[in-house]
Amino acid sequence: MKFIQPHQKTSAILDQLAIGMAVICGIHCLMMPIILALLPIVAASFFAHEHFHLWMLLLVLPTTSISIFMGCRKHRDKWTAALSLTGLGIMIAVTIFEYATHTSCATCAGCARSADAPVPPSAWCNTIGGLFLASAHVRNFKLCRNSNCCH
């Protein structure tokens, strides 16, 4: 039986948490316009708040940074680092763009539904960034469980 060290367990928990957050972000970005149209009461919830993307980014940044750093420090996989940096870069750029073009509204600009684009481009970009992050965390999780990586 292989002994699991405390920091290996922490890395696994952070990777799993980050994968879950990426799934929540993807569902939020792609489904929120549809959910808002079908259930307008959701517009008053946490998920439709104008600062939702900022809060998620503030959760994703430390979680991703710590778990990827802990994993890459041992397995030194450049693809994991590249995927996570790309995903973080996309999500940070979209968040900055949303705040730079933000107008006062009851819901976030990324979730507001318009007639010409049922799912706004920022939602697609956030989803792509989340997919990069989820891929990085899945790869990191698998590499850290590899028998050659003994952290």
C-alpha atoms as a PDB file:
ATOM      1  CA  MET A   1       0.000   0.000   0.000  1.00  0.00           C
ATOM      2  CA  LYS A   2       1.384   3.358  -1.048  1.00  0.00           C
ATOM      3  CA  PHE A   3       1.579   6.058   1.628  1.00  0.00           C
ATOM      4  CA  ILE A   4      -0.045   9.335   0.547  1.00  0.00           C
ATOM      5  CA  GLN A   5       1.811  12.352   1.870  1.00  0.00           C
ATOM      6  CA  PRO A   6      -0.209  15.338   3.188  1.00  0.00           C
ATOM      7  CA  HIS A   7       0.837  17.736   0.407  1.00  0.00           C
ATOM      8  CA  GLN A   8      -0.061  15.114  -2.228  1.00  0.00           C
ATOM      9  CA  LYS A   9      -3.526  14.922  -0.702  1.00  0.00           C
ATOM     10  CA  THR A  10      -3.766  18.738  -0.675  1.00  0.00           C
ATOM     11  CA  SER A  11      -2.790  18.884  -4.337  1.00  0.00           C
ATOM     12  CA  ALA A  12      -5.427  16.272  -5.223  1.00  0.00           C
ATOM     13  CA  ILE A  13      -8.122  18.151  -3.293  1.00  0.00           C
ATOM     14  CA  LEU A  14      -7.166  21.461  -4.962  1.00  0.00           C
ATOM     15  CA  ASP A  15      -7.198  19.834  -8.422  1.00  0.00           C
ATOM     16  CA  GLN A  16     -10.630  18.318  -7.782  1.00  0.00           C
ATOM     17  CA  LEU A  17     -11.947  21.632  -6.421  1.00  0.00           C
ATOM     18  CA  ALA A  18     -10.597  23.498  -9.434  1.00  0.00           C
ATOM     19  CA  ILE A  19     -12.130  20.991 -11.867  1.00  0.00           C
ATOM     20  CA  GLY A  20     -15.478  21.456 -10.106  1.00  0.00           C
ATOM     21  CA  MET A  21     -15.199  25.243 -10.332  1.00  0.00           C
ATOM     22  CA  ALA A  22     -14.400  24.993 -14.053  1.00  0.00           C
ATOM     23  CA  VAL A  23     -17.540  22.903 -14.574  1.00  0.00           C
ATOM     24  CA  ILE A  24     -19.631  25.420 -12.609  1.00  0.00           C
ATOM     25  CA  CYS A  25     -18.179  28.276 -14.694  1.00  0.00           C
ATOM     26  CA  GLY A  26     -18.907  26.469 -17.944  1.00  0.00           C
ATOM     27  CA  ILE A  27     -22.482  25.724 -16.949  1.00  0.00           C
ATOM     28  CA  HIS A  28     -22.926  29.290 -15.717  1.00  0.00           C
ATOM     29  CA  CYS A  29     -21.576  30.913 -18.860  1.00  0.00           C
ATOM     30  CA  LEU A  30     -23.419  28.757 -21.363  1.00  0.00           C
ATOM     31  CA  MET A  31     -26.680  28.114 -19.548  1.00  0.00           C
ATOM     32  CA  MET A  32     -27.354  31.374 -17.683  1.00  0.00           C
ATOM     33  CA  PRO A  33     -28.976  33.178 -20.653  1.00  0.00           C
ATOM     34  CA  ILE A  34     -31.337  30.235 -21.122  1.00  0.00           C
ATOM     35  CA  ILE A  35     -32.015  29.896 -17.389  1.00  0.00           C
ATOM     36  CA  LEU A  36     -32.712  33.637 -17.084  1.00  0.00           C
ATOM     37  CA  ALA A  37     -35.204  33.430 -19.939  1.00  0.00           C
ATOM     38  CA  LEU A  38     -36.983  30.415 -18.425  1.00  0.00           C
ATOM     39  CA  LEU A  39     -36.707  31.351 -14.740  1.00  0.00           C
ATOM     40  CA  PRO A  40     -36.433  35.137 -14.296  1.00  0.00           C
ATOM     41  CA  ILE A  41     -36.293  34.725 -10.493  1.00  0.00           C
ATOM     42  CA  VAL A  42     -32.711  33.464 -10.923  1.00  0.00           C
ATOM     43  CA  ALA A  43     -31.749  37.032 -11.902  1.00  0.00           C
ATOM     44  CA  ALA A  44     -31.921  37.897  -8.189  1.00  0.00           C
ATOM     45  CA  SER A  45     -29.541  35.089  -7.176  1.00  0.00           C
ATOM     46  CA  PHE A  46     -25.814  34.881  -6.558  1.00  0.00           C
ATOM     47  CA  PHE A  47     -25.274  33.260  -9.973  1.00  0.00           C
ATOM     48  CA  ALA A  48     -26.567  36.287 -11.873  1.00  0.00           C
ATOM     49  CA  HIS A  49     -24.837  38.901  -9.719  1.00  0.00           C
ATOM     50  CA  GLU A  50     -22.750  41.390 -11.673  1.00  0.00           C
ATOM     51  CA  HIS A  51     -19.586  40.408  -9.759  1.00  0.00           C
ATOM     52  CA  PHE A  52     -19.962  36.612 -10.166  1.00  0.00           C
ATOM     53  CA  HIS A  53     -17.092  36.328 -12.673  1.00  0.00           C
ATOM     54  CA  LEU A  54     -14.777  38.369 -10.457  1.00  0.00           C
ATOM     55  CA  TRP A  55     -15.586  36.193  -7.415  1.00  0.00           C
ATOM     56  CA  MET A  56     -15.009  33.010  -9.393  1.00  0.00           C
ATOM     57  CA  LEU A  57     -11.721  34.371 -10.743  1.00  0.00           C
ATOM     58  CA  LEU A  58     -10.616  35.233  -7.197  1.00  0.00           C
ATOM     59  CA  LEU A  59     -11.322  31.610  -6.197  1.00  0.00           C
ATOM     60  CA  VAL A  60      -9.745  30.111  -9.318  1.00  0.00           C
ATOM     61  CA  LEU A  61      -6.465  32.080  -9.223  1.00  0.00           C
ATOM     62  CA  PRO A  62      -5.091  30.789  -5.902  1.00  0.00           C
ATOM     63  CA  THR A  63      -6.534  27.304  -6.316  1.00  0.00           C
ATOM     64  CA  THR A  64      -5.010  26.847  -9.755  1.00  0.00           C
ATOM     65  CA  SER A  65      -1.727  28.523  -8.871  1.00  0.00           C
ATOM     66  CA  ILE A  66      -1.125  26.391  -5.788  1.00  0.00           C
ATOM     67  CA  SER A  67      -2.204  23.032  -7.211  1.00  0.00           C
ATOM     68  CA  ILE A  68      -0.409  23.443 -10.550  1.00  0.00           C
ATOM     69  CA  PHE A  69       2.743  24.760  -8.849  1.00  0.00           C
ATOM     70  CA  MET A  70       2.784  21.847  -6.401  1.00  0.00           C
ATOM     71  CA  GLY A  71       2.340  19.337  -9.217  1.00  0.00           C
ATOM     72  CA  CYS A  72       4.663  20.919 -11.782  1.00  0.00           C
ATOM     73  CA  ARG A  73       7.368  21.292  -9.180  1.00  0.00           C
ATOM     74  CA  LYS A  74       7.619  17.486  -9.111  1.00  0.00           C
ATOM     75  CA  HIS A  75       6.548  16.191 -12.507  1.00  0.00           C
ATOM     76  CA  ARG A  76       7.792  19.245 -14.492  1.00  0.00           C
ATOM     77  CA  ASP A  77       5.217  18.845 -17.247  1.00  0.00           C
ATOM     78  CA  LYS A  78       5.317  21.909 -19.499  1.00  0.00           C
ATOM     79  CA  TRP A  79       1.895  21.144 -21.047  1.00  0.00           C
ATOM     80  CA  THR A  80       0.220  21.381 -17.656  1.00  0.00           C
ATOM     81  CA  ALA A  81       1.799  24.778 -17.035  1.00  0.00           C
ATOM     82  CA  ALA A  82       0.969  25.987 -20.575  1.00  0.00           C
ATOM     83  CA  LEU A  83      -2.672  24.863 -20.349  1.00  0.00           C
ATOM     84  CA  SER A  84      -3.163  26.521 -16.964  1.00  0.00           C
ATOM     85  CA  LEU A  85      -1.451  29.782 -17.975  1.00  0.00           C
ATOM     86  CA  THR A  86      -3.511  29.934 -21.177  1.00  0.00           C
ATOM     87  CA  GLY A  87      -6.752  29.296 -19.301  1.00  0.00           C
ATOM     88  CA  LEU A  88      -5.950  31.838 -16.597  1.00  0.00           C
ATOM     89  CA  GLY A  89      -4.882  34.380 -19.219  1.00  0.00           C
ATOM     90  CA  ILE A  90      -8.149  34.015 -21.127  1.00  0.00           C
ATOM     91  CA  MET A  91     -10.269  34.267 -17.987  1.00  0.00           C
ATOM     92  CA  ILE A  92      -8.374  37.296 -16.669  1.00  0.00           C
ATOM     93  CA  ALA A  93      -8.604  39.046 -20.067  1.00  0.00           C
ATOM     94  CA  VAL A  94     -12.356  38.395 -20.313  1.00  0.00           C
ATOM     95  CA  THR A  95     -12.948  39.630 -16.764  1.00  0.00           C
ATOM     96  CA  ILE A  96     -10.939  42.806 -17.416  1.00  0.00           C
ATOM     97  CA  PHE A  97     -12.825  43.322 -20.696  1.00  0.00           C
ATOM     98  CA  GLU A  98     -16.189  42.845 -18.947  1.00  0.00           C
ATOM     99  CA  TYR A  99     -15.316  45.402 -16.274  1.00  0.00           C
ATOM    100  CA  ALA A 100     -13.900  47.856 -18.830  1.00  0.00           C
ATOM    101  CA  THR A 101     -17.105  47.735 -20.889  1.00  0.00           C
ATOM    102  CA  HIS A 102     -19.472  47.304 -17.949  1.00  0.00           C
ATOM    103  CA  THR A 103     -22.657  49.302 -17.828  1.00  0.00           C
ATOM    104  CA  SER A 104     -24.904  49.395 -14.788  1.00  0.00           C
ATOM    105  CA  CYS A 105     -27.379  46.558 -14.907  1.00  0.00           C
ATOM    106  CA  ALA A 106     -29.068  44.093 -12.617  1.00  0.00           C
ATOM    107  CA  THR A 107     -27.122  41.128 -13.985  1.00  0.00           C
ATOM    108  CA  CYS A 108     -23.582  40.678 -15.185  1.00  0.00           C
ATOM    109  CA  ALA A 109     -22.773  41.834 -18.703  1.00  0.00           C
ATOM    110  CA  GLY A 110     -21.643  38.329 -19.651  1.00  0.00           C
ATOM    111  CA  CYS A 111     -25.060  36.901 -18.762  1.00  0.00           C
ATOM    112  CA  ALA A 112     -27.227  39.595 -20.261  1.00  0.00           C
ATOM    113  CA  ARG A 113     -29.184  38.237 -23.173  1.00  0.00           C
ATOM    114  CA  SER A 114     -29.323  40.163 -26.406  1.00  0.00           C
ATOM    115  CA  ALA A 115     -31.407  39.540 -29.497  1.00  0.00           C
ATOM    116  CA  ASP A 116     -28.462  39.007 -31.843  1.00  0.00           C
ATOM    117  CA  ALA A 117     -26.379  36.748 -29.579  1.00  0.00           C
ATOM    118  CA  PRO A 118     -28.242  34.392 -27.215  1.00  0.00           C
ATOM    119  CA  VAL A 119     -24.893  33.419 -25.673  1.00  0.00           C
ATOM    120  CA  PRO A 120     -22.500  36.400 -25.586  1.00  0.00           C
ATOM    121  CA  PRO A 121     -18.935  36.040 -26.920  1.00  0.00           C
ATOM    122  CA  SER A 122     -17.538  36.626 -23.410  1.00  0.00           C
ATOM    123  CA  ALA A 123     -19.392  33.532 -22.221  1.00  0.00           C
ATOM    124  CA  TRP A 124     -17.795  31.437 -24.953  1.00  0.00           C
ATOM    125  CA  CYS A 125     -14.355  32.863 -24.133  1.00  0.00           C
ATOM    126  CA  ASN A 126     -14.805  32.154 -20.411  1.00  0.00           C
ATOM    127  CA  THR A 127     -15.903  28.623 -21.246  1.00  0.00           C
ATOM    128  CA  ILE A 128     -12.841  28.065 -23.435  1.00  0.00           C
ATOM    129  CA  GLY A 129     -10.617  29.417 -20.640  1.00  0.00           C
ATOM    130  CA  GLY A 130     -12.357  27.084 -18.195  1.00  0.00           C
ATOM    131  CA  LEU A 131     -11.773  24.124 -20.518  1.00  0.00           C
ATOM    132  CA  PHE A 132      -8.058  24.953 -20.648  1.00  0.00           C
ATOM    133  CA  LEU A 133      -7.985  25.111 -16.845  1.00  0.00           C
ATOM    134  CA  ALA A 134      -9.960  21.901 -16.417  1.00  0.00           C
ATOM    135  CA  SER A 135      -7.614  20.155 -18.875  1.00  0.00           C
ATOM    136  CA  ALA A 136      -4.591  21.397 -16.941  1.00  0.00           C
ATOM    137  CA  HIS A 137      -6.035  20.172 -13.644  1.00  0.00           C
ATOM    138  CA  VAL A 138      -7.020  16.763 -15.025  1.00  0.00           C
ATOM    139  CA  ARG A 139      -3.535  16.365 -16.509  1.00  0.00           C
ATOM    140  CA  ASN A 140      -1.929  17.523 -13.251  1.00  0.00           C
ATOM    141  CA  PHE A 141      -4.129  15.156 -11.230  1.00  0.00           C
ATOM    142  CA  LYS A 142      -3.185  12.185 -13.437  1.00  0.00           C
ATOM    143  CA  LEU A 143       0.530  13.013 -13.512  1.00  0.00           C
ATOM    144  CA  CYS A 144       0.623  13.426  -9.741  1.00  0.00           C
ATOM    145  CA  ARG A 145      -0.947   9.968  -9.332  1.00  0.00           C
ATOM    146  CA  ASN A 146       1.644   8.444 -11.637  1.00  0.00           C
ATOM    147  CA  SER A 147       4.006   6.032  -9.905  1.00  0.00           C
ATOM    148  CA  ASN A 148       6.998   8.109 -11.068  1.00  0.00           C
ATOM    149  CA  CYS A 149       5.793  11.173  -9.194  1.00  0.00           C
ATOM    150  CA  CYS A 150       6.309  10.489  -5.507  1.00  0.00           C
ATOM    151  CA  HIS A 151       5.148  13.729  -3.914  1.00  0.00           C
END
